[in-house]
Amino acid sequence: MCWVAWDKLTAPKTLGGLGIRYIQAFNTALLAKQAWRIVSKPDCLLSRVLRAKYCGRDHFLKVEAPKAASHGWRGILTGRDLLVTNLSRAIGNGESTRVWKDPWLSTLSPVRPIGPAREEDQDLVVADLICRGSNEWNVQRVERVLPQYLNDILRIKPSILGSQDSYVWLAARSGSYSAKSGYHVAISMELQEQRDPEDLPMDQNLYKTIWASKVSPKLQLFLWRITQGALALGENLARRRIMNNTSCRHCGEPETATHVFLHCPLTRRVWSTNIWESNFNPSECNTFEEAFLRAAEATNLPPIGIAGPLFPWICWDIWTARNYRIFENKIPSPDEIISKALRAAREWNAAQSTPEPGSSAQRQHTLQPSSTFTSIACFTDAAWQAGTNKAGCGWIFPDCRNEGLCQRTKTFSYISSALMAEAMAVRSALINAREMGFSKICIKSDCQALVAIISSNQHPADLHGITRDIEHLSLSFDCISYVFILRNLNFVADALAKSALYSVSTN
């Protein structure tokens, strides 16, 4: 029997579905990978051949499919249409990004300035808004051309070493397109176009709690089936015109999910057992969903010895007892139901416990191996203030006696995140190290996310100019590595960064 419609099964889990891939949306996401390669690798042979044949003088992102286009090219354009929904320009030197025609103002969604533009400003590129010497924003010209976007523009950090602009996919943190992120965008668009907003579940927290519950996958699916009316209960069978045995097998009342799992006399005796620390009794709830959400927040009594949720395990054994009554005419007692549920929960939790591996904080991320005996260590850190969007950065080069060989600080404004502040600290430290003539250096930071980004050669949209500069500066050294360290080992750089932030905040 088909209990749930296919459209609902392909919906994301947070919207009440099972997250099964919708084949049309997934096919479009795969086609968009070809479009992304044409956009991100314009000099590759595939891109040059296709653009020469089908685009002519038009840009790939705006070209229309000719009548004689092949099936393959039409498929690529279908993927292109998905790609442009979250495609934006990341600013490096600003030479190839047009101010009024390209989306570049935001790292959250493709946003381009709204005109009208003056006649002399219509053909501006972003580089015209950047000072040629310092590669910083020309604030006076930005105020003249785009005064309403001044704060948004100043939060964008261009490359100070002249790296090129590039396209970024805003739906992925890395800035690069992937079929997974493209599918999520495609399926959300499909839901908006084909489904009535009133059909979407209002309480998405219910489904998030179901799939986040630390119980077996079988029980997660069981809970989902209850909320979707996909169990062979009397109420659900009657809805499908199967009118035999629609009453509760224990008491004769109409068999609904709320009755079977909360209000049946047998179930009430089960829930009367003291299981939770608070005076919580699921039988007092009006709906199954309410009882489940309240039980997810309840704390088990210490003698039980189980830290995870118990409500799903007990509901499963209540359902099993109901089936035993139907097919084998057996009536388990409430104590048997409780003991069986606790035993199953305890066994499953014991099976999940595995020996903990070494602390992740001790793992290092390096671009290339280097000897700590020949490399100069550089400790970097940043302090960021969200209210003012100001940041203080500090770095230090200690010698072998742990004395200060060199230490520097620098402050920045219009910093949008703590991660950006950490990246600015690393870039400033590398510039300082190059000026001092170091050839081998080991950058040590307590920001694990930044070390992972640098090590994987990713260029997120909000860090594009900074990470491009770090990549370029890394080539200036004979040997360089990036290492994550614990915060308590970076206290000197942390103190420098905080003092720099304090000095700029008090002025």
Protein backbone atom coordinates (compact mmCIF):
# COMPACT_ATOMS: atom_id res chain seq x y z
CA MET A 1 0.00 0.00 0.00
CA CYS A 2 1.31 3.46 -0.93
CA TRP A 3 0.93 5.32 2.34
CA VAL A 4 2.73 8.56 1.41
CA ALA A 5 2.74 10.41 -1.92
CA TRP A 6 5.96 10.45 -3.92
CA ASP A 7 6.11 14.25 -3.92
CA LYS A 8 6.22 14.19 -0.15
CA LEU A 9 8.89 11.47 -0.06
CA THR A 10 11.19 13.60 -2.23
CA ALA A 11 10.77 16.65 0.02
CA PRO A 12 13.64 17.48 2.41
CA LYS A 13 13.49 15.86 5.82
CA THR A 14 12.93 19.22 7.51
CA LEU A 15 9.75 19.63 5.42
CA GLY A 16 8.29 16.26 6.32
CA GLY A 17 9.79 14.14 3.54
CA LEU A 18 12.46 11.44 3.45
CA GLY A 19 14.94 13.38 1.32
CA ILE A 20 14.80 10.86 -1.54
CA ARG A 21 16.31 12.49 -4.60
CA TYR A 22 13.86 13.98 -7.06
CA ILE A 23 15.37 12.70 -10.29
CA GLN A 24 14.52 15.74 -12.45
CA ALA A 25 16.08 18.17 -9.97
CA PHE A 26 19.13 15.96 -9.49
CA ASN A 27 19.61 15.70 -13.27
CA THR A 28 19.55 19.51 -13.49
CA ALA A 29 22.11 19.73 -10.68
CA LEU A 30 24.43 17.38 -12.59
CA LEU A 31 24.01 19.40 -15.79
CA ALA A 32 24.97 22.55 -13.88
CA LYS A 33 28.42 21.00 -13.24
CA GLN A 34 29.15 21.35 -16.96
CA ALA A 35 27.96 24.95 -16.91
CA TRP A 36 30.15 25.64 -13.85
CA ARG A 37 33.21 24.28 -15.65
CA ILE A 38 32.57 26.57 -18.61
CA VAL A 39 32.26 29.54 -16.24
CA SER A 40 35.12 28.74 -13.86
CA LYS A 41 37.55 27.35 -16.49
CA PRO A 42 36.99 29.58 -19.54
CA ASP A 43 40.36 28.64 -21.09
CA CYS A 44 39.85 24.87 -21.07
CA LEU A 45 39.33 23.15 -24.41
CA LEU A 46 35.68 22.21 -23.73
CA SER A 47 34.77 25.77 -22.80
CA ARG A 48 36.49 27.32 -25.81
CA VAL A 49 34.91 24.90 -28.29
CA LEU A 50 31.35 25.26 -26.95
CA ARG A 51 31.51 29.03 -26.60
CA ALA A 52 32.95 29.39 -30.09
CA LYS A 53 30.17 27.27 -31.60
CA TYR A 54 27.11 28.48 -29.68
CA CYS A 55 27.89 31.81 -28.00
CA GLY A 56 29.64 33.92 -30.61
CA ARG A 57 29.92 37.41 -29.17
CA ASP A 58 27.29 36.80 -26.48
CA HIS A 59 28.20 35.86 -22.93
CA PHE A 60 27.56 32.26 -21.93
CA LEU A 61 25.40 33.29 -18.96
CA LYS A 62 22.99 35.21 -21.22
CA VAL A 63 23.04 33.34 -24.53
CA GLU A 64 19.80 31.83 -25.83
CA ALA A 65 19.55 28.33 -27.27
CA PRO A 66 19.43 28.43 -31.10
CA LYS A 67 16.89 26.37 -32.97
CA ALA A 68 19.58 24.01 -34.26
CA ALA A 69 21.17 23.47 -30.83
CA SER A 70 22.05 19.93 -29.90
CA HIS A 71 20.40 18.06 -27.06
CA GLY A 72 23.64 18.27 -25.08
CA TRP A 73 23.89 22.06 -25.41
CA ARG A 74 20.26 22.49 -24.36
CA GLY A 75 20.99 20.39 -21.29
CA ILE A 76 23.99 22.57 -20.42
CA LEU A 77 21.81 25.68 -20.71
CA THR A 78 19.29 24.06 -18.37
CA GLY A 79 22.06 23.62 -15.82
CA ARG A 80 23.19 27.19 -16.55
CA ASP A 81 19.78 28.51 -15.57
CA LEU A 82 20.14 26.78 -12.20
CA LEU A 83 23.68 28.04 -11.78
CA VAL A 84 22.86 31.73 -12.25
CA THR A 85 20.39 31.68 -9.36
CA ASN A 86 23.30 31.69 -6.88
CA LEU A 87 26.23 32.85 -9.02
CA SER A 88 28.13 35.97 -8.06
CA ARG A 89 31.45 37.70 -8.66
CA ALA A 90 34.19 37.63 -6.02
CA ILE A 91 36.36 40.73 -6.12
CA GLY A 92 40.11 40.39 -6.52
CA ASN A 93 41.53 43.36 -8.42
CA GLY A 94 38.12 44.33 -9.86
CA GLU A 95 39.37 44.53 -13.44
CA SER A 96 36.86 42.07 -14.96
CA THR A 97 33.73 42.87 -12.92
CA ARG A 98 31.31 45.47 -14.25
CA VAL A 99 29.79 47.69 -11.61
CA TRP A 100 26.25 47.88 -12.99
CA LYS A 101 25.84 44.58 -14.85
CA ASP A 102 27.50 41.92 -12.66
CA PRO A 103 26.30 40.69 -9.23
CA TRP A 104 29.10 41.46 -6.75
CA LEU A 105 27.71 43.43 -3.81
CA SER A 106 26.82 40.55 -1.49
CA THR A 107 28.24 37.18 -0.48
CA LEU A 108 24.78 35.87 0.49
CA SER A 109 22.80 36.36 -2.72
CA PRO A 110 23.52 37.67 -6.25
CA VAL A 111 23.01 41.42 -5.89
CA ARG A 112 23.92 44.10 -8.41
CA PRO A 113 23.52 47.87 -7.95
CA ILE A 114 20.20 49.46 -8.82
CA GLY A 115 20.46 52.51 -11.10
CA PRO A 116 20.01 54.76 -12.80
CA ALA A 117 23.71 55.35 -13.42
CA ARG A 118 25.21 58.57 -14.67
CA GLU A 119 26.24 58.53 -18.31
CA GLU A 120 29.93 58.76 -17.42
CA ASP A 121 29.61 55.89 -14.92
CA GLN A 122 27.76 53.36 -17.06
CA ASP A 123 30.88 51.45 -18.17
CA LEU A 124 32.68 51.44 -14.84
CA VAL A 125 34.42 48.32 -13.58
CA VAL A 126 34.97 47.64 -9.91
CA ALA A 127 38.68 48.44 -10.29
CA ASP A 128 37.66 52.06 -10.93
CA LEU A 129 36.42 52.19 -7.32
CA ILE A 130 39.76 50.94 -5.94
CA CYS A 131 42.85 53.04 -5.30
CA ARG A 132 45.60 51.97 -7.69
CA GLY A 133 48.47 52.19 -5.21
CA SER A 134 47.10 50.64 -2.04
CA ASN A 135 44.42 48.46 -3.67
CA GLU A 136 41.97 49.66 -1.02
CA TRP A 137 38.54 51.11 -1.68
CA ASN A 138 38.42 54.71 -2.89
CA VAL A 139 35.86 55.82 -0.33
CA GLN A 140 35.23 59.22 -1.89
CA ARG A 141 34.47 57.77 -5.30
CA VAL A 142 32.30 55.01 -3.84
CA GLU A 143 30.29 57.67 -1.99
CA ARG A 144 29.84 59.56 -5.25
CA VAL A 145 28.86 56.60 -7.45
CA LEU A 146 27.14 54.19 -5.01
CA PRO A 147 26.46 56.03 -1.75
CA GLN A 148 23.62 53.68 -0.72
CA TYR A 149 25.94 50.65 -0.92
CA LEU A 150 28.94 52.17 0.88
CA ASN A 151 28.86 49.90 3.95
CA ASP A 152 28.27 46.77 1.86
CA ILE A 153 31.19 47.58 -0.42
CA LEU A 154 33.60 48.36 2.41
CA ARG A 155 32.88 44.92 3.93
CA ILE A 156 34.26 43.36 0.73
CA LYS A 157 38.03 42.97 1.01
CA PRO A 158 39.69 43.10 -2.42
CA SER A 159 43.06 41.55 -3.15
CA ILE A 160 45.97 43.82 -2.27
CA LEU A 161 48.30 41.78 -4.51
CA GLY A 162 46.21 42.06 -7.67
CA SER A 163 44.57 38.62 -7.85
CA GLN A 164 41.96 38.18 -10.56
CA ASP A 165 38.20 38.29 -10.01
CA SER A 166 36.33 35.01 -10.29
CA TYR A 167 32.87 33.51 -10.13
CA VAL A 168 31.69 31.97 -6.86
CA TRP A 169 28.74 29.71 -6.08
CA LEU A 170 27.06 31.30 -3.07
CA ALA A 171 25.08 28.19 -2.08
CA ALA A 172 28.29 26.42 -0.95
CA ARG A 173 30.62 27.64 1.78
CA SER A 174 33.67 26.78 -0.32
CA GLY A 175 32.49 29.00 -3.19
CA SER A 176 32.74 26.12 -5.68
CA TYR A 177 29.73 24.44 -7.24
CA SER A 178 28.85 20.89 -6.23
CA ALA A 179 26.00 18.64 -7.29
CA LYS A 180 24.90 18.37 -3.65
CA SER A 181 24.49 22.11 -3.12
CA GLY A 182 22.96 22.49 -6.59
CA TYR A 183 20.39 19.81 -5.82
CA HIS A 184 19.31 21.58 -2.63
CA VAL A 185 18.76 24.78 -4.61
CA ALA A 186 16.93 22.93 -7.39
CA ILE A 187 14.61 21.03 -5.05
CA SER A 188 13.76 24.21 -3.11
CA MET A 189 12.84 25.91 -6.39
CA GLU A 190 10.76 22.87 -7.36
CA LEU A 191 8.89 23.03 -4.06
CA GLN A 192 8.15 26.72 -4.49
CA GLU A 193 6.85 26.28 -8.03
CA GLN A 194 4.78 23.11 -7.71
CA ARG A 195 3.46 23.12 -4.16
CA ASP A 196 1.09 25.33 -2.30
CA PRO A 197 2.83 27.02 0.66
CA GLU A 198 -0.11 25.94 2.81
CA ASP A 199 0.82 22.29 2.16
CA LEU A 200 4.24 22.71 3.75
CA PRO A 201 4.48 21.79 7.44
CA MET A 202 4.31 24.72 9.80
CA ASP A 203 6.27 23.10 12.63
CA GLN A 204 9.58 22.13 11.04
CA ASN A 205 11.07 21.71 14.50
CA LEU A 206 9.12 18.44 14.84
CA TYR A 207 10.91 16.80 11.91
CA LYS A 208 14.29 18.22 12.87
CA THR A 209 13.84 16.66 16.31
CA ILE A 210 12.79 13.31 14.83
CA TRP A 211 15.84 12.94 12.59
CA ALA A 212 18.20 14.35 15.24
CA SER A 213 17.01 11.87 17.90
CA LYS A 214 19.77 9.55 19.10
CA VAL A 215 17.82 6.38 18.44
CA SER A 216 18.08 3.67 15.81
CA PRO A 217 17.16 4.62 12.21
CA LYS A 218 14.28 2.17 12.41
CA LEU A 219 12.71 4.20 15.23
CA GLN A 220 13.29 7.49 13.40
CA LEU A 221 11.38 6.11 10.42
CA PHE A 222 8.72 4.77 12.79
CA LEU A 223 8.20 8.23 14.34
CA TRP A 224 8.04 9.79 10.88
CA ARG A 225 5.38 7.28 9.80
CA ILE A 226 3.26 8.14 12.83
CA THR A 227 3.35 11.86 12.04
CA GLN A 228 2.57 11.20 8.35
CA GLY A 229 -0.35 8.85 9.01
CA ALA A 230 1.51 5.96 7.41
CA LEU A 231 0.86 3.30 10.07
CA ALA A 232 -1.85 0.67 9.66
CA LEU A 233 -4.01 2.20 12.40
CA GLY A 234 -7.78 1.96 12.27
CA GLU A 235 -8.12 5.68 11.49
CA ASN A 236 -5.70 5.46 8.54
CA LEU A 237 -7.28 2.27 7.21
CA ALA A 238 -10.75 3.83 7.35
CA ARG A 239 -9.47 6.81 5.39
CA ARG A 240 -8.59 4.34 2.62
CA ARG A 241 -12.03 2.70 2.75
CA ILE A 242 -10.77 -0.37 4.64
CA MET A 243 -13.43 -0.46 7.35
CA ASN A 244 -12.61 -3.76 9.08
CA ASN A 245 -11.20 -3.57 12.61
CA THR A 246 -10.94 0.19 12.98
CA SER A 247 -11.28 0.12 16.79
CA CYS A 248 -8.60 -0.31 19.44
CA ARG A 249 -7.88 -3.96 20.21
CA HIS A 250 -7.46 -3.25 23.92
CA CYS A 251 -10.46 -1.05 24.75
CA GLY A 252 -12.67 -0.75 21.66
CA GLU A 253 -12.25 3.02 21.20
CA PRO A 254 -11.52 4.48 17.73
CA GLU A 255 -7.92 3.61 16.93
CA THR A 256 -5.96 6.78 16.30
CA ALA A 257 -2.27 7.52 16.86
CA THR A 258 -3.09 9.71 19.84
CA HIS A 259 -5.25 7.01 21.39
CA VAL A 260 -2.87 4.07 20.84
CA PHE A 261 0.28 5.81 22.04
CA LEU A 262 -1.14 8.17 24.70
CA HIS A 263 -4.71 7.61 25.88
CA CYS A 264 -5.43 3.87 25.76
CA PRO A 265 -5.89 2.41 29.30
CA LEU A 266 -2.97 0.03 28.72
CA THR A 267 -0.82 2.90 27.48
CA ARG A 268 -1.76 5.09 30.44
CA ARG A 269 -0.49 2.39 32.81
CA VAL A 270 2.76 2.30 30.85
CA TRP A 271 3.27 6.06 31.09
CA SER A 272 2.38 6.10 34.79
CA THR A 273 5.76 4.49 35.50
CA ASN A 274 8.30 6.99 36.83
CA ILE A 275 10.73 7.42 33.96
CA TRP A 276 11.63 11.11 33.89
CA GLU A 277 12.86 13.49 36.60
CA SER A 278 10.08 16.02 35.96
CA ASN A 279 6.40 15.26 36.48
CA PHE A 280 5.88 14.64 32.80
CA ASN A 281 3.17 12.24 31.69
CA PRO A 282 2.62 11.80 27.92
CA SER A 283 -0.99 10.73 28.58
CA GLU A 284 -1.78 14.33 29.54
CA CYS A 285 -0.81 15.63 26.07
CA ASN A 286 -3.45 16.24 23.43
CA THR A 287 -1.44 15.10 20.39
CA PHE A 288 1.36 12.67 19.70
CA GLU A 289 3.54 15.45 18.28
CA GLU A 290 3.22 17.47 21.50
CA ALA A 291 4.12 14.45 23.64
CA PHE A 292 7.16 13.64 21.50
CA LEU A 293 8.58 17.18 21.60
CA ARG A 294 8.09 17.44 25.36
CA ALA A 295 9.64 14.01 25.91
CA ALA A 296 12.68 15.03 23.85
CA GLU A 297 13.45 17.72 26.43
CA ALA A 298 12.78 15.52 29.49
CA THR A 299 15.66 14.06 31.54
CA ASN A 300 15.69 10.38 32.45
CA LEU A 301 15.90 9.32 36.06
CA PRO A 302 19.46 8.31 37.11
CA PRO A 303 18.64 4.68 38.05
CA ILE A 304 17.62 3.97 34.46
CA GLY A 305 21.18 4.54 33.30
CA ILE A 306 20.23 5.73 29.79
CA ALA A 307 21.08 9.23 28.62
CA GLY A 308 19.25 9.15 25.29
CA PRO A 309 15.50 9.56 24.63
CA LEU A 310 13.22 6.79 25.88
CA PHE A 311 9.92 7.91 24.39
CA PRO A 312 10.53 6.40 20.90
CA TRP A 313 11.63 3.04 22.35
CA ILE A 314 8.53 2.78 24.54
CA CYS A 315 6.25 3.79 21.64
CA TRP A 316 7.79 1.04 19.53
CA ASP A 317 7.02 -1.58 22.18
CA ILE A 318 3.49 -0.21 22.61
CA TRP A 319 3.03 -0.72 18.87
CA THR A 320 4.54 -4.22 19.12
CA ALA A 321 2.17 -5.07 21.98
CA ARG A 322 -0.76 -3.94 19.86
CA ASN A 323 0.36 -6.25 17.02
CA TYR A 324 0.85 -9.18 19.44
CA ARG A 325 -2.74 -8.70 20.56
CA ILE A 326 -4.00 -8.81 16.95
CA PHE A 327 -1.97 -11.65 15.49
CA GLU A 328 -1.11 -13.85 18.51
CA ASN A 329 -3.75 -12.82 21.05
CA LYS A 330 -1.05 -11.98 23.61
CA ILE A 331 -1.40 -9.10 26.04
CA PRO A 332 1.96 -7.97 27.48
CA SER A 333 1.81 -6.21 30.84
CA PRO A 334 2.92 -2.57 31.22
CA ASP A 335 5.99 -3.70 33.16
CA GLU A 336 6.98 -6.05 30.34
CA ILE A 337 6.62 -3.23 27.80
CA ILE A 338 8.77 -0.88 29.88
CA SER A 339 11.48 -3.44 30.64
CA LYS A 340 11.70 -4.54 27.02
CA ALA A 341 11.99 -0.93 25.83
CA LEU A 342 14.69 -0.09 28.39
CA ARG A 343 16.65 -3.20 27.49
CA ALA A 344 16.55 -2.38 23.78
CA ALA A 345 17.58 1.24 24.39
CA ARG A 346 20.43 0.17 26.65
CA GLU A 347 21.72 -2.39 24.14
CA TRP A 348 21.58 0.08 21.25
CA ASN A 349 23.38 2.81 23.21
CA ALA A 350 26.08 0.35 24.25
CA ALA A 351 26.58 -0.65 20.63
CA GLN A 352 27.10 2.97 19.60
CA SER A 353 29.89 3.67 22.07
CA THR A 354 33.29 3.35 20.45
CA PRO A 355 36.75 4.25 21.77
CA GLU A 356 37.36 7.94 21.32
CA PRO A 357 40.14 8.73 18.87
CA GLY A 358 42.92 11.15 19.65
CA SER A 359 41.91 14.71 20.24
CA SER A 360 41.13 16.49 17.01
CA ALA A 361 42.90 19.53 18.38
CA GLN A 362 46.17 17.63 18.14
CA ARG A 363 45.77 16.98 14.41
CA GLN A 364 47.60 19.37 12.13
CA HIS A 365 46.66 20.69 8.71
CA THR A 366 49.66 21.50 6.51
CA LEU A 367 50.11 22.63 2.96
CA GLN A 368 53.46 20.87 2.75
CA PRO A 369 55.64 19.20 5.38
CA SER A 370 58.24 21.37 7.04
CA SER A 371 60.78 20.91 9.75
CA THR A 372 60.00 22.87 12.88
CA PHE A 373 63.73 23.04 13.60
CA THR A 374 64.54 25.07 10.46
CA SER A 375 61.31 27.04 10.03
CA ILE A 376 60.50 30.31 11.74
CA ALA A 377 57.33 29.93 13.79
CA CYS A 378 54.72 32.64 13.54
CA PHE A 379 51.80 32.74 15.98
CA THR A 380 48.78 34.71 14.72
CA ASP A 381 45.45 35.62 16.25
CA ALA A 382 42.62 38.11 15.85
CA ALA A 383 40.00 39.72 18.07
CA TRP A 384 36.72 40.83 16.49
CA GLN A 385 33.93 43.05 17.80
CA ALA A 386 30.58 42.30 16.19
CA GLY A 387 28.91 45.56 17.22
CA THR A 388 31.46 47.82 15.52
CA ASN A 389 32.78 45.36 12.90
CA LYS A 390 36.31 46.23 13.96
CA ALA A 391 39.15 43.77 14.43
CA GLY A 392 42.56 43.74 16.02
CA CYS A 393 45.23 41.40 14.68
CA GLY A 394 48.47 40.33 16.30
CA TRP A 395 51.35 38.09 15.32
CA ILE A 396 54.71 37.21 16.85
CA PHE A 397 57.90 35.46 15.69
CA PRO A 398 59.46 33.92 18.82
CA ASP A 399 63.02 32.61 18.70
CA CYS A 400 64.27 29.33 20.16
CA ARG A 401 64.42 30.82 23.69
CA ASN A 402 60.75 31.86 23.46
CA GLU A 403 61.74 35.51 23.57
CA GLY A 404 60.04 38.04 21.36
CA LEU A 405 62.01 38.20 18.11
CA CYS A 406 59.39 40.37 16.47
CA GLN A 407 55.78 41.18 17.19
CA ARG A 408 53.31 43.35 15.34
CA THR A 409 49.67 44.45 15.57
CA LYS A 410 47.25 45.94 13.11
CA THR A 411 43.63 47.04 13.20
CA PHE A 412 40.94 46.81 10.52
CA SER A 413 37.45 48.20 10.04
CA TYR A 414 34.39 46.80 8.26
CA ILE A 415 35.25 43.19 9.13
CA SER A 416 32.14 41.05 8.70
CA SER A 417 33.12 37.96 10.72
CA ALA A 418 35.66 36.54 13.14
CA LEU A 419 36.90 34.21 10.40
CA MET A 420 37.66 37.17 8.17
CA ALA A 421 39.59 38.79 11.02
CA GLU A 422 41.68 35.64 11.45
CA ALA A 423 42.40 35.58 7.71
CA MET A 424 43.48 39.23 7.79
CA ALA A 425 45.89 38.39 10.62
CA VAL A 426 47.49 35.57 8.62
CA ARG A 427 47.83 37.74 5.51
CA SER A 428 49.41 40.57 7.50
CA ALA A 429 51.83 38.16 9.15
CA LEU A 430 52.92 36.72 5.79
CA ILE A 431 53.53 40.19 4.38
CA ASN A 432 55.61 41.04 7.44
CA ALA A 433 57.56 37.76 7.17
CA ARG A 434 58.33 38.39 3.50
CA GLU A 435 59.57 41.90 4.30
CA MET A 436 61.88 40.46 6.97
CA GLY A 437 63.38 38.05 4.46
CA PHE A 438 62.28 34.74 5.97
CA SER A 439 62.41 31.79 3.58
CA LYS A 440 60.94 29.05 5.77
CA ILE A 441 57.97 29.76 8.00
CA CYS A 442 55.32 27.87 9.97
CA ILE A 443 52.07 29.78 10.56
CA LYS A 444 50.35 28.68 13.77
CA SER A 445 46.74 29.70 14.36
CA ASP A 446 44.02 28.67 16.82
CA CYS A 447 41.34 29.04 14.10
CA GLN A 448 40.83 25.50 12.82
CA ALA A 449 38.31 26.56 10.17
CA LEU A 450 40.77 28.97 8.57
CA VAL A 451 43.60 26.43 8.58
CA ALA A 452 41.29 23.92 6.87
CA ILE A 453 40.29 26.50 4.21
CA ILE A 454 43.90 27.42 3.43
CA SER A 455 45.03 23.79 3.39
CA SER A 456 42.30 22.77 0.96
CA ASN A 457 42.91 25.74 -1.39
CA GLN A 458 39.32 26.92 -1.00
CA HIS A 459 38.30 30.50 -1.66
CA PRO A 460 34.96 31.31 0.02
CA ALA A 461 33.09 34.28 -1.36
CA ASP A 462 33.58 36.49 1.70
CA LEU A 463 37.31 35.64 1.97
CA HIS A 464 38.15 35.46 -1.72
CA GLY A 465 40.54 38.41 -1.95
CA ILE A 466 42.26 37.52 1.32
CA THR A 467 42.75 33.80 0.63
CA ARG A 468 43.98 34.55 -2.89
CA ASP A 469 46.61 36.84 -1.37
CA ILE A 470 47.58 34.15 1.16
CA GLU A 471 47.95 31.65 -1.68
CA HIS A 472 50.10 34.11 -3.63
CA LEU A 473 52.23 35.00 -0.60
CA SER A 474 52.82 31.31 0.15
CA LEU A 475 54.71 31.02 -3.13
CA SER A 476 57.22 33.60 -1.86
CA PHE A 477 58.66 31.14 0.68
CA ASP A 478 60.83 28.11 0.10
CA CYS A 479 58.90 26.17 2.72
CA ILE A 480 55.66 27.08 4.44
CA SER A 481 53.11 25.23 6.56
CA TYR A 482 49.88 26.11 8.34
CA VAL A 483 49.27 24.44 11.69
CA PHE A 484 46.29 24.51 14.04
CA ILE A 485 47.19 24.84 17.72
CA LEU A 486 45.20 25.00 20.93
CA ARG A 487 44.04 28.38 22.13
CA ASN A 488 46.00 28.19 25.38
CA LEU A 489 49.22 27.82 23.34
CA ASN A 490 48.50 31.05 21.49
CA PHE A 491 48.04 33.37 24.45
CA VAL A 492 50.75 35.87 23.40
CA ALA A 493 49.24 36.55 19.95
CA ASP A 494 45.78 36.60 21.55
CA ALA A 495 46.89 39.29 23.99
CA LEU A 496 48.38 41.36 21.16
CA ALA A 497 45.16 41.13 19.12
CA LYS A 498 42.94 42.08 22.05
CA SER A 499 45.15 45.04 22.98
CA ALA A 500 45.01 46.29 19.38
CA LEU A 501 41.22 45.99 19.33
CA TYR A 502 40.93 47.75 22.68
CA SER A 503 43.07 50.64 21.49
CA VAL A 504 40.95 51.23 18.39
CA SER A 505 37.66 50.78 20.32
CA THR A 506 38.54 53.42 22.91
CA ASN A 507 39.56 56.02 20.33
